[in-house]
Amino acid sequence: MPIEQPSPSRRAVLAGALFLPLAGGRAEARAASAPDYYERAARLAGEDPVLRNLVRALSPGAEVPQVKAPKPLRTFDNVAVVSTSLVSATAIVTSRGVILIDALNSADEAEQILVPQLRSVGVNPSAIKYVVVSHGHRDHFGGAGYLARRFGARVMMHKADRALAGDALTPDLDIADGRRLTLGDTTVTFHHTPGHTPGTVSMIFPVRWKGRPHTAMLWGGTNPPAATKDKRTYVASVLAFAAHMRRARVDVELNNHLMSDHGLQRLEELRRGGAANPFVVGEPRAQRFMQVMEAMLRGRIVTDGKAG
């Protein structure tokens, strides 16, 4: 179960990228207004429900919708999703056990929701070897300690978010930018994508749908931070991660908050059956997802300046 050390980060180069050309498009003027950026995001989204949902989620004043918790589902041959009404945990099933991304809000939710619902979709909770915490908000790490105690899982987290978790969580392993975790036949590559929190991590990993291979990304934290400087950091993370996605040929988009990316509706579409998997968005559309995020964040940064 080797964990490889990272290569040097490009984030220092990208941190000042606020006025660089938008990914995949023509250069924008330095004086572009917030509506310019929001309109660009809307044009990129078009009629795509996934991208339109992302625009709404990143708009100023956006509120988290109240939704009913979906039933658990195998979204891929080797991936299962368990959700509350707010947040999801993603189980990656390998030939040597399970890598769990996030752990819901509390020990009670882990015991009463996560564990039985994983079993209901054919995932053995006792096979969880690693719990990966995408960032240090309780709704993502709250059940990690319970899973570590009950099943002996090792908890992984970026050290920049340890202060957010405080005494509520003691990780076993730090996640560094570019680190790879191999368990059995599956390797997950972690990328430090600060912005939502200082230690947010996003990941890229292989998935299979009806035996056919695909490459998935899971963005670690969507809601923009309050501080303008942190939004600039977020933009740099989006640019860096989009480049990693291009190199890895990512064609699957996943999120740990299903209301942010039309995920709830796609779960139900998948549950109804059909040959196509709605989480397989294709490489160009996966890149457009990141471009929409970038444009919306740039608009939010300009909005911050106007408000100040």
C-alpha atoms as a PDB file:
ATOM      1  CA  MET A   1       0.000   0.000   0.000  1.00  0.00           C
ATOM      2  CA  PRO A   2       2.662   2.554  -0.975  1.00  0.00           C
ATOM      3  CA  ILE A   3       2.141   6.288  -0.681  1.00  0.00           C
ATOM      4  CA  GLU A   4       4.411   8.155  -3.078  1.00  0.00           C
ATOM      5  CA  GLN A   5       5.947  11.543  -2.372  1.00  0.00           C
ATOM      6  CA  PRO A   6       4.846  14.591  -4.381  1.00  0.00           C
ATOM      7  CA  SER A   7       6.512  16.447  -7.204  1.00  0.00           C
ATOM      8  CA  PRO A   8       7.027  20.240  -6.784  1.00  0.00           C
ATOM      9  CA  SER A   9       3.857  22.335  -6.871  1.00  0.00           C
ATOM     10  CA  ARG A  10       3.109  24.901  -9.570  1.00  0.00           C
ATOM     11  CA  ARG A  11       0.869  26.890  -7.218  1.00  0.00           C
ATOM     12  CA  ALA A  12       3.426  29.613  -6.566  1.00  0.00           C
ATOM     13  CA  VAL A  13       3.453  30.401 -10.286  1.00  0.00           C
ATOM     14  CA  LEU A  14      -0.328  30.411 -10.553  1.00  0.00           C
ATOM     15  CA  ALA A  15      -1.088  32.349  -7.363  1.00  0.00           C
ATOM     16  CA  GLY A  16      -0.910  35.663  -9.208  1.00  0.00           C
ATOM     17  CA  ALA A  17      -3.090  34.484 -12.095  1.00  0.00           C
ATOM     18  CA  LEU A  18      -6.113  36.719 -11.511  1.00  0.00           C
ATOM     19  CA  PHE A  19      -5.592  38.665 -14.732  1.00  0.00           C
ATOM     20  CA  LEU A  20      -4.208  35.872 -16.916  1.00  0.00           C
ATOM     21  CA  PRO A  21      -6.364  34.642 -19.818  1.00  0.00           C
ATOM     22  CA  LEU A  22      -9.331  32.540 -18.815  1.00  0.00           C
ATOM     23  CA  ALA A  23      -8.673  28.847 -19.366  1.00  0.00           C
ATOM     24  CA  GLY A  24      -9.443  27.779 -22.884  1.00  0.00           C
ATOM     25  CA  GLY A  25     -10.548  31.217 -24.116  1.00  0.00           C
ATOM     26  CA  ARG A  26      -9.407  34.646 -25.224  1.00  0.00           C
ATOM     27  CA  ALA A  27      -7.750  37.050 -22.789  1.00  0.00           C
ATOM     28  CA  GLU A  28     -10.074  39.262 -20.772  1.00  0.00           C
ATOM     29  CA  ALA A  29      -9.301  42.926 -20.158  1.00  0.00           C
ATOM     30  CA  ARG A  30      -7.991  43.898 -16.749  1.00  0.00           C
ATOM     31  CA  ALA A  31     -11.060  46.062 -16.263  1.00  0.00           C
ATOM     32  CA  ALA A  32     -13.569  43.273 -16.833  1.00  0.00           C
ATOM     33  CA  SER A  33     -16.600  43.767 -14.628  1.00  0.00           C
ATOM     34  CA  ALA A  34     -18.254  41.185 -12.396  1.00  0.00           C
ATOM     35  CA  PRO A  35     -21.208  40.869 -14.824  1.00  0.00           C
ATOM     36  CA  ASP A  36     -18.694  40.223 -17.634  1.00  0.00           C
ATOM     37  CA  TYR A  37     -17.347  37.221 -15.752  1.00  0.00           C
ATOM     38  CA  TYR A  38     -20.803  35.975 -14.723  1.00  0.00           C
ATOM     39  CA  GLU A  39     -22.030  36.306 -18.307  1.00  0.00           C
ATOM     40  CA  ARG A  40     -18.990  34.391 -19.536  1.00  0.00           C
ATOM     41  CA  ALA A  41     -19.792  31.615 -17.064  1.00  0.00           C
ATOM     42  CA  ALA A  42     -23.401  31.554 -18.278  1.00  0.00           C
ATOM     43  CA  ARG A  43     -22.246  31.338 -21.914  1.00  0.00           C
ATOM     44  CA  LEU A  44     -19.912  28.472 -21.076  1.00  0.00           C
ATOM     45  CA  ALA A  45     -22.720  26.692 -19.219  1.00  0.00           C
ATOM     46  CA  GLY A  46     -25.264  27.119 -22.005  1.00  0.00           C
ATOM     47  CA  GLU A  47     -28.133  24.691 -21.471  1.00  0.00           C
ATOM     48  CA  ASP A  48     -25.957  22.136 -19.684  1.00  0.00           C
ATOM     49  CA  PRO A  49     -27.772  21.360 -16.386  1.00  0.00           C
ATOM     50  CA  VAL A  50     -24.564  20.389 -14.593  1.00  0.00           C
ATOM     51  CA  LEU A  51     -22.824  23.646 -15.471  1.00  0.00           C
ATOM     52  CA  ARG A  52     -25.924  25.773 -14.908  1.00  0.00           C
ATOM     53  CA  ASN A  53     -26.217  24.260 -11.432  1.00  0.00           C
ATOM     54  CA  LEU A  54     -22.575  25.172 -10.784  1.00  0.00           C
ATOM     55  CA  VAL A  55     -23.222  28.783 -11.827  1.00  0.00           C
ATOM     56  CA  ARG A  56     -26.099  28.977  -9.339  1.00  0.00           C
ATOM     57  CA  ALA A  57     -24.031  27.395  -6.565  1.00  0.00           C
ATOM     58  CA  LEU A  58     -21.211  29.924  -7.015  1.00  0.00           C
ATOM     59  CA  SER A  59     -23.389  33.009  -7.426  1.00  0.00           C
ATOM     60  CA  PRO A  60     -23.275  35.713  -4.715  1.00  0.00           C
ATOM     61  CA  GLY A  61     -25.901  35.085  -2.073  1.00  0.00           C
ATOM     62  CA  ALA A  62     -26.501  31.487  -3.151  1.00  0.00           C
ATOM     63  CA  GLU A  63     -28.303  29.463  -0.499  1.00  0.00           C
ATOM     64  CA  VAL A  64     -27.916  25.746   0.126  1.00  0.00           C
ATOM     65  CA  PRO A  65     -31.215  24.122  -0.927  1.00  0.00           C
ATOM     66  CA  GLN A  66     -33.069  21.900   1.497  1.00  0.00           C
ATOM     67  CA  VAL A  67     -33.218  18.469  -0.106  1.00  0.00           C
ATOM     68  CA  LYS A  68     -34.173  14.946   0.849  1.00  0.00           C
ATOM     69  CA  ALA A  69     -31.265  12.593   1.382  1.00  0.00           C
ATOM     70  CA  PRO A  70     -30.913  10.298  -1.642  1.00  0.00           C
ATOM     71  CA  LYS A  71     -30.674   6.558  -1.295  1.00  0.00           C
ATOM     72  CA  PRO A  72     -27.159   5.114  -1.636  1.00  0.00           C
ATOM     73  CA  LEU A  73     -26.054   4.037  -5.082  1.00  0.00           C
ATOM     74  CA  ARG A  74     -23.204   2.444  -6.972  1.00  0.00           C
ATOM     75  CA  THR A  75     -22.358   5.268  -9.351  1.00  0.00           C
ATOM     76  CA  PHE A  76     -19.639   3.157 -11.014  1.00  0.00           C
ATOM     77  CA  ASP A  77     -18.641  -0.489 -10.865  1.00  0.00           C
ATOM     78  CA  ASN A  78     -16.027   0.427  -8.243  1.00  0.00           C
ATOM     79  CA  VAL A  79     -17.603   3.540  -6.657  1.00  0.00           C
ATOM     80  CA  ALA A  80     -20.499   3.964  -4.243  1.00  0.00           C
ATOM     81  CA  VAL A  81     -22.004   7.177  -2.864  1.00  0.00           C
ATOM     82  CA  VAL A  82     -23.757   7.580   0.492  1.00  0.00           C
ATOM     83  CA  SER A  83     -25.356  10.922   1.308  1.00  0.00           C
ATOM     84  CA  THR A  84     -27.215  12.890   3.916  1.00  0.00           C
ATOM     85  CA  SER A  85     -29.319  15.841   2.764  1.00  0.00           C
ATOM     86  CA  LEU A  86     -26.144  17.981   2.809  1.00  0.00           C
ATOM     87  CA  VAL A  87     -22.995  15.997   2.108  1.00  0.00           C
ATOM     88  CA  SER A  88     -21.765  12.793   0.499  1.00  0.00           C
ATOM     89  CA  ALA A  89     -19.132  10.171   1.204  1.00  0.00           C
ATOM     90  CA  THR A  90     -17.594   8.336  -1.758  1.00  0.00           C
ATOM     91  CA  ALA A  91     -16.294   4.775  -1.451  1.00  0.00           C
ATOM     92  CA  ILE A  92     -13.691   3.634  -3.985  1.00  0.00           C
ATOM     93  CA  VAL A  93     -13.648  -0.169  -4.043  1.00  0.00           C
ATOM     94  CA  THR A  94     -10.274  -1.699  -4.876  1.00  0.00           C
ATOM     95  CA  SER A  95      -8.976  -5.259  -5.079  1.00  0.00           C
ATOM     96  CA  ARG A  96      -7.448  -4.874  -1.585  1.00  0.00           C
ATOM     97  CA  GLY A  97     -10.075  -2.867   0.265  1.00  0.00           C
ATOM     98  CA  VAL A  98     -11.888   0.465   0.260  1.00  0.00           C
ATOM     99  CA  ILE A  99     -10.666   4.066   0.105  1.00  0.00           C
ATOM    100  CA  LEU A 100     -13.391   6.288   1.562  1.00  0.00           C
ATOM    101  CA  ILE A 101     -13.523   9.964   0.603  1.00  0.00           C
ATOM    102  CA  ASP A 102     -15.077  11.861   3.539  1.00  0.00           C
ATOM    103  CA  ALA A 103     -17.035  10.407   6.424  1.00  0.00           C
ATOM    104  CA  LEU A 104     -20.228  12.460   6.961  1.00  0.00           C
ATOM    105  CA  ASN A 105     -20.872  14.737   9.923  1.00  0.00           C
ATOM    106  CA  SER A 106     -20.534  12.645  13.083  1.00  0.00           C
ATOM    107  CA  ALA A 107     -19.902   9.249  14.614  1.00  0.00           C
ATOM    108  CA  ASP A 108     -23.668   8.734  14.782  1.00  0.00           C
ATOM    109  CA  GLU A 109     -24.056   9.418  11.048  1.00  0.00           C
ATOM    110  CA  ALA A 110     -21.158   7.092  10.291  1.00  0.00           C
ATOM    111  CA  GLU A 111     -22.686   4.318  12.396  1.00  0.00           C
ATOM    112  CA  GLN A 112     -26.343   4.795  11.466  1.00  0.00           C
ATOM    113  CA  ILE A 113     -26.114   5.994   7.848  1.00  0.00           C
ATOM    114  CA  LEU A 114     -22.719   5.369   6.304  1.00  0.00           C
ATOM    115  CA  VAL A 115     -22.041   1.825   7.491  1.00  0.00           C
ATOM    116  CA  PRO A 116     -25.476   0.251   6.801  1.00  0.00           C
ATOM    117  CA  GLN A 117     -25.913   2.090   3.507  1.00  0.00           C
ATOM    118  CA  LEU A 118     -22.537   0.978   2.223  1.00  0.00           C
ATOM    119  CA  ARG A 119     -23.548  -2.592   3.031  1.00  0.00           C
ATOM    120  CA  SER A 120     -26.832  -2.091   1.166  1.00  0.00           C
ATOM    121  CA  VAL A 121     -24.925  -1.408  -2.074  1.00  0.00           C
ATOM    122  CA  GLY A 122     -22.481  -4.273  -1.640  1.00  0.00           C
ATOM    123  CA  VAL A 123     -19.550  -2.430  -0.033  1.00  0.00           C
ATOM    124  CA  ASN A 124     -18.115  -4.042   3.105  1.00  0.00           C
ATOM    125  CA  PRO A 125     -17.375  -1.276   5.666  1.00  0.00           C
ATOM    126  CA  SER A 126     -14.846  -3.485   7.431  1.00  0.00           C
ATOM    127  CA  ALA A 127     -12.780  -3.311   4.218  1.00  0.00           C
ATOM    128  CA  ILE A 128     -12.242   0.461   4.628  1.00  0.00           C
ATOM    129  CA  LYS A 129      -8.467   0.881   4.790  1.00  0.00           C
ATOM    130  CA  TYR A 130      -8.221   4.656   4.396  1.00  0.00           C
ATOM    131  CA  VAL A 131     -10.536   7.562   5.165  1.00  0.00           C
ATOM    132  CA  VAL A 132      -9.505  10.597   3.115  1.00  0.00           C
ATOM    133  CA  VAL A 133     -10.734  13.918   4.517  1.00  0.00           C
ATOM    134  CA  SER A 134     -11.217  16.358   1.632  1.00  0.00           C
ATOM    135  CA  HIS A 135     -11.112  19.356   3.979  1.00  0.00           C
ATOM    136  CA  GLY A 136     -11.424  20.265   7.626  1.00  0.00           C
ATOM    137  CA  HIS A 137     -15.131  20.999   7.975  1.00  0.00           C
ATOM    138  CA  ARG A 138     -16.946  18.672  10.354  1.00  0.00           C
ATOM    139  CA  ASP A 139     -19.481  17.469   7.781  1.00  0.00           C
ATOM    140  CA  HIS A 140     -16.542  15.851   5.963  1.00  0.00           C
ATOM    141  CA  PHE A 141     -14.519  14.412   8.845  1.00  0.00           C
ATOM    142  CA  GLY A 142     -17.081  13.920  11.609  1.00  0.00           C
ATOM    143  CA  GLY A 143     -17.357  10.149  11.213  1.00  0.00           C
ATOM    144  CA  ALA A 144     -13.672   9.482  10.523  1.00  0.00           C
ATOM    145  CA  GLY A 145     -12.690   8.771  14.110  1.00  0.00           C
ATOM    146  CA  TYR A 146     -15.489   6.231  14.479  1.00  0.00           C
ATOM    147  CA  LEU A 147     -14.402   4.406  11.307  1.00  0.00           C
ATOM    148  CA  ALA A 148     -10.795   4.388  12.494  1.00  0.00           C
ATOM    149  CA  ARG A 149     -11.759   2.907  15.866  1.00  0.00           C
ATOM    150  CA  ARG A 150     -14.212   0.345  14.547  1.00  0.00           C
ATOM    151  CA  PHE A 151     -12.459  -0.842  11.398  1.00  0.00           C
ATOM    152  CA  GLY A 152      -8.842   0.194  11.886  1.00  0.00           C
ATOM    153  CA  ALA A 153      -8.948   2.620   8.957  1.00  0.00           C
ATOM    154  CA  ARG A 154      -6.107   5.125   8.615  1.00  0.00           C
ATOM    155  CA  VAL A 155      -7.223   8.756   8.357  1.00  0.00           C
ATOM    156  CA  MET A 156      -5.578  11.066   5.834  1.00  0.00           C
ATOM    157  CA  MET A 157      -5.818  14.874   5.787  1.00  0.00           C
ATOM    158  CA  HIS A 158      -3.811  17.882   4.617  1.00  0.00           C
ATOM    159  CA  LYS A 159      -1.899  19.425   7.512  1.00  0.00           C
ATOM    160  CA  ALA A 160      -3.124  22.942   6.629  1.00  0.00           C
ATOM    161  CA  ASP A 161      -6.610  21.989   7.858  1.00  0.00           C
ATOM    162  CA  ARG A 162      -5.591  20.367  11.129  1.00  0.00           C
ATOM    163  CA  ALA A 163      -6.286  23.611  12.967  1.00  0.00           C
ATOM    164  CA  LEU A 164      -9.839  23.626  11.600  1.00  0.00           C
ATOM    165  CA  ALA A 165     -10.470  20.104  12.877  1.00  0.00           C
ATOM    166  CA  GLY A 166      -8.782  20.801  16.208  1.00  0.00           C
ATOM    167  CA  ASP A 167      -8.985  18.097  18.841  1.00  0.00           C
ATOM    168  CA  ALA A 168     -11.942  16.460  17.085  1.00  0.00           C
ATOM    169  CA  LEU A 169      -9.685  14.539  14.705  1.00  0.00           C
ATOM    170  CA  THR A 170      -6.176  13.102  14.813  1.00  0.00           C
ATOM    171  CA  PRO A 171      -5.121  12.054  11.289  1.00  0.00           C
ATOM    172  CA  ASP A 172      -2.613   9.248  10.778  1.00  0.00           C
ATOM    173  CA  LEU A 173      -1.189  10.541   7.505  1.00  0.00           C
ATOM    174  CA  ASP A 174      -0.662  13.930   5.890  1.00  0.00           C
ATOM    175  CA  ILE A 175      -1.773  14.500   2.307  1.00  0.00           C
ATOM    176  CA  ALA A 176       0.791  16.426   0.291  1.00  0.00           C
ATOM    177  CA  ASP A 177       0.313  17.947  -3.146  1.00  0.00           C
ATOM    178  CA  GLY A 178       0.858  15.280  -5.796  1.00  0.00           C
ATOM    179  CA  ARG A 179       0.898  12.379  -3.324  1.00  0.00           C
ATOM    180  CA  ARG A 180      -0.390   9.084  -4.656  1.00  0.00           C
ATOM    181  CA  LEU A 181      -2.093   6.367  -2.655  1.00  0.00           C
ATOM    182  CA  THR A 182      -2.117   2.881  -4.138  1.00  0.00           C
ATOM    183  CA  LEU A 183      -4.377   0.203  -2.714  1.00  0.00           C
ATOM    184  CA  GLY A 184      -4.615  -3.022  -4.686  1.00  0.00           C
ATOM    185  CA  ASP A 185      -5.429  -2.248  -8.316  1.00  0.00           C
ATOM    186  CA  THR A 186      -6.251   1.434  -7.774  1.00  0.00           C
ATOM    187  CA  THR A 187      -4.130   4.574  -7.415  1.00  0.00           C
ATOM    188  CA  VAL A 188      -5.631   7.852  -6.203  1.00  0.00           C
ATOM    189  CA  THR A 189      -3.651  11.033  -6.876  1.00  0.00           C
ATOM    190  CA  PHE A 190      -4.196  13.923  -4.462  1.00  0.00           C
ATOM    191  CA  HIS A 191      -3.796  17.587  -5.324  1.00  0.00           C
ATOM    192  CA  HIS A 192      -3.758  20.411  -2.791  1.00  0.00           C
ATOM    193  CA  THR A 193      -6.482  22.822  -3.949  1.00  0.00           C
ATOM    194  CA  PRO A 194      -6.731  25.498  -1.235  1.00  0.00           C
ATOM    195  CA  GLY A 195      -9.456  28.109  -1.401  1.00  0.00           C
ATOM    196  CA  HIS A 196     -12.537  26.617   0.187  1.00  0.00           C
ATOM    197  CA  THR A 197     -10.232  25.931   3.149  1.00  0.00           C
ATOM    198  CA  PRO A 198      -6.432  26.165   3.434  1.00  0.00           C
ATOM    199  CA  GLY A 199      -6.066  22.391   3.296  1.00  0.00           C
ATOM    200  CA  THR A 200      -8.678  21.372   0.735  1.00  0.00           C
ATOM    201  CA  VAL A 201      -7.574  18.467  -1.444  1.00  0.00           C
ATOM    202  CA  SER A 202      -9.077  17.241  -4.702  1.00  0.00           C
ATOM    203  CA  MET A 203      -8.335  13.911  -6.301  1.00  0.00           C
ATOM    204  CA  ILE A 204      -8.113  11.997  -9.559  1.00  0.00           C
ATOM    205  CA  PHE A 205      -8.663   8.237  -9.758  1.00  0.00           C
ATOM    206  CA  PRO A 206      -9.723   5.461 -12.154  1.00  0.00           C
ATOM    207  CA  VAL A 207     -13.320   4.264 -12.316  1.00  0.00           C
ATOM    208  CA  ARG A 208     -15.157   1.659 -14.368  1.00  0.00           C
ATOM    209  CA  TRP A 209     -18.669   1.715 -15.770  1.00  0.00           C
ATOM    210  CA  LYS A 210     -19.976  -1.619 -17.040  1.00  0.00           C
ATOM    211  CA  GLY A 211     -16.362  -2.708 -17.338  1.00  0.00           C
ATOM    212  CA  ARG A 212     -15.242   0.294 -19.367  1.00  0.00           C
ATOM    213  CA  PRO A 213     -12.451   2.442 -17.841  1.00  0.00           C
ATOM    214  CA  HIS A 214     -12.805   6.162 -17.168  1.00  0.00           C
ATOM    215  CA  THR A 215     -10.876   8.731 -15.130  1.00  0.00           C
ATOM    216  CA  ALA A 216     -12.683  10.664 -12.406  1.00  0.00           C
ATOM    217  CA  MET A 217     -12.024  13.846 -10.508  1.00  0.00           C
ATOM    218  CA  LEU A 218     -13.590  14.768  -7.189  1.00  0.00           C
ATOM    219  CA  TRP A 219     -13.402  18.480  -6.317  1.00  0.00           C
ATOM    220  CA  GLY A 220     -12.759  18.836  -2.606  1.00  0.00           C
ATOM    221  CA  GLY A 221     -14.617  22.020  -1.654  1.00  0.00           C
ATOM    222  CA  THR A 222     -16.907  24.168  -3.782  1.00  0.00           C
ATOM    223  CA  ASN A 223     -18.310  27.080  -1.751  1.00  0.00           C
ATOM    224  CA  PRO A 224     -16.112  30.203  -2.190  1.00  0.00           C
ATOM    225  CA  PRO A 225     -14.353  31.533   0.917  1.00  0.00           C
ATOM    226  CA  ALA A 226     -15.222  34.948   2.353  1.00  0.00           C
ATOM    227  CA  ALA A 227     -11.823  36.634   2.013  1.00  0.00           C
ATOM    228  CA  THR A 228     -10.811  38.014  -1.389  1.00  0.00           C
ATOM    229  CA  LYS A 229      -7.245  36.756  -1.014  1.00  0.00           C
ATOM    230  CA  ASP A 230      -8.576  33.250  -0.440  1.00  0.00           C
ATOM    231  CA  LYS A 231     -10.711  33.535  -3.579  1.00  0.00           C
ATOM    232  CA  ARG A 232      -7.541  34.386  -5.506  1.00  0.00           C
ATOM    233  CA  THR A 233      -5.941  31.272  -4.051  1.00  0.00           C
ATOM    234  CA  TYR A 234      -9.030  29.334  -5.158  1.00  0.00           C
ATOM    235  CA  VAL A 235      -8.597  30.602  -8.742  1.00  0.00           C
ATOM    236  CA  ALA A 236      -4.988  29.404  -8.740  1.00  0.00           C
ATOM    237  CA  SER A 237      -6.146  26.004  -7.490  1.00  0.00           C
ATOM    238  CA  VAL A 238      -8.765  25.759 -10.245  1.00  0.00           C
ATOM    239  CA  LEU A 239      -6.156  26.532 -12.913  1.00  0.00           C
ATOM    240  CA  ALA A 240      -3.651  24.043 -11.509  1.00  0.00           C
ATOM    241  CA  PHE A 241      -6.196  21.254 -11.082  1.00  0.00           C
ATOM    242  CA  ALA A 242      -7.639  21.804 -14.573  1.00  0.00           C
ATOM    243  CA  ALA A 243      -4.140  21.234 -15.937  1.00  0.00           C
ATOM    244  CA  HIS A 244      -3.818  18.015 -13.932  1.00  0.00           C
ATOM    245  CA  MET A 245      -7.205  16.933 -15.294  1.00  0.00           C
ATOM    246  CA  ARG A 246      -6.112  17.553 -18.882  1.00  0.00           C
ATOM    247  CA  ARG A 247      -2.976  15.483 -18.435  1.00  0.00           C
ATOM    248  CA  ALA A 248      -4.923  12.652 -16.795  1.00  0.00           C
ATOM    249  CA  ARG A 249      -7.701  12.859 -19.428  1.00  0.00           C
ATOM    250  CA  VAL A 250     -10.415  13.184 -16.789  1.00  0.00           C
ATOM    251  CA  ASP A 251     -13.874  12.507 -18.209  1.00  0.00           C
ATOM    252  CA  VAL A 252     -15.884  12.018 -14.984  1.00  0.00           C
ATOM    253  CA  GLU A 253     -16.927  14.849 -12.644  1.00  0.00           C
ATOM    254  CA  LEU A 254     -17.793  14.123  -9.005  1.00  0.00           C
ATOM    255  CA  ASN A 255     -18.469  16.361  -6.005  1.00  0.00           C
ATOM    256  CA  ASN A 256     -18.971  15.861  -2.280  1.00  0.00           C
ATOM    257  CA  HIS A 257     -21.990  18.207  -2.254  1.00  0.00           C
ATOM    258  CA  LEU A 258     -24.439  16.850  -4.802  1.00  0.00           C
ATOM    259  CA  MET A 259     -26.562  20.003  -4.842  1.00  0.00           C
ATOM    260  CA  SER A 260     -23.612  21.919  -6.345  1.00  0.00           C
ATOM    261  CA  ASP A 261     -23.312  20.061  -9.643  1.00  0.00           C
ATOM    262  CA  HIS A 262     -26.740  18.612 -10.469  1.00  0.00           C
ATOM    263  CA  GLY A 263     -25.535  15.483  -8.711  1.00  0.00           C
ATOM    264  CA  LEU A 264     -28.828  14.668  -6.997  1.00  0.00           C
ATOM    265  CA  GLN A 265     -30.673  14.652 -10.299  1.00  0.00           C
ATOM    266  CA  ARG A 266     -27.930  12.617 -11.954  1.00  0.00           C
ATOM    267  CA  LEU A 267     -28.118  10.032  -9.164  1.00  0.00           C
ATOM    268  CA  GLU A 268     -31.822   9.560  -9.850  1.00  0.00           C
ATOM    269  CA  GLU A 269     -31.224   9.434 -13.602  1.00  0.00           C
ATOM    270  CA  LEU A 270     -28.646   6.713 -13.060  1.00  0.00           C
ATOM    271  CA  ARG A 271     -30.956   4.862 -10.683  1.00  0.00           C
ATOM    272  CA  ARG A 272     -33.596   4.673 -13.415  1.00  0.00           C
ATOM    273  CA  GLY A 273     -31.154   2.777 -15.618  1.00  0.00           C
ATOM    274  CA  GLY A 274     -29.925   3.254 -19.130  1.00  0.00           C
ATOM    275  CA  ALA A 275     -26.735   2.701 -21.049  1.00  0.00           C
ATOM    276  CA  ALA A 276     -25.197   6.103 -20.377  1.00  0.00           C
ATOM    277  CA  ASN A 277     -23.773   7.169 -17.025  1.00  0.00           C
ATOM    278  CA  PRO A 278     -24.595  10.878 -16.421  1.00  0.00           C
ATOM    279  CA  PHE A 279     -21.446  11.348 -14.332  1.00  0.00           C
ATOM    280  CA  VAL A 280     -19.351  10.550 -17.412  1.00  0.00           C
ATOM    281  CA  VAL A 281     -19.246  14.061 -18.854  1.00  0.00           C
ATOM    282  CA  GLY A 282     -16.370  13.691 -21.311  1.00  0.00           C
ATOM    283  CA  GLU A 283     -13.035  15.490 -21.360  1.00  0.00           C
ATOM    284  CA  PRO A 284     -14.167  18.790 -22.983  1.00  0.00           C
ATOM    285  CA  ARG A 285     -17.127  19.141 -20.631  1.00  0.00           C
ATOM    286  CA  ALA A 286     -14.961  18.355 -17.598  1.00  0.00           C
ATOM    287  CA  GLN A 287     -12.660  21.195 -18.644  1.00  0.00           C
ATOM    288  CA  ARG A 288     -15.636  23.485 -19.177  1.00  0.00           C
ATOM    289  CA  PHE A 289     -16.725  22.715 -15.615  1.00  0.00           C
ATOM    290  CA  MET A 290     -13.437  24.173 -14.380  1.00  0.00           C
ATOM    291  CA  GLN A 291     -13.728  27.160 -16.740  1.00  0.00           C
ATOM    292  CA  VAL A 292     -17.173  27.968 -15.342  1.00  0.00           C
ATOM    293  CA  MET A 293     -15.801  27.765 -11.826  1.00  0.00           C
ATOM    294  CA  GLU A 294     -12.915  30.048 -12.738  1.00  0.00           C
ATOM    295  CA  ALA A 295     -15.145  32.676 -14.357  1.00  0.00           C
ATOM    296  CA  MET A 296     -17.567  32.700 -11.425  1.00  0.00           C
ATOM    297  CA  LEU A 297     -14.729  33.098  -8.923  1.00  0.00           C
ATOM    298  CA  ARG A 298     -13.192  35.946 -10.905  1.00  0.00           C
ATOM    299  CA  GLY A 299     -16.587  37.621 -10.858  1.00  0.00           C
ATOM    300  CA  ARG A 300     -16.837  37.125  -7.111  1.00  0.00           C
ATOM    301  CA  ILE A 301     -13.396  38.747  -6.676  1.00  0.00           C
ATOM    302  CA  VAL A 302     -14.477  41.806  -8.656  1.00  0.00           C
ATOM    303  CA  THR A 303     -17.731  41.883  -6.687  1.00  0.00           C
ATOM    304  CA  ASP A 304     -15.688  41.925  -3.468  1.00  0.00           C
ATOM    305  CA  GLY A 305     -13.771  44.970  -4.724  1.00  0.00           C
ATOM    306  CA  LYS A 306     -16.944  46.852  -5.608  1.00  0.00           C
ATOM    307  CA  ALA A 307     -18.461  46.072  -2.211  1.00  0.00           C
ATOM    308  CA  GLY A 308     -15.339  47.377  -0.476  1.00  0.00           C
END
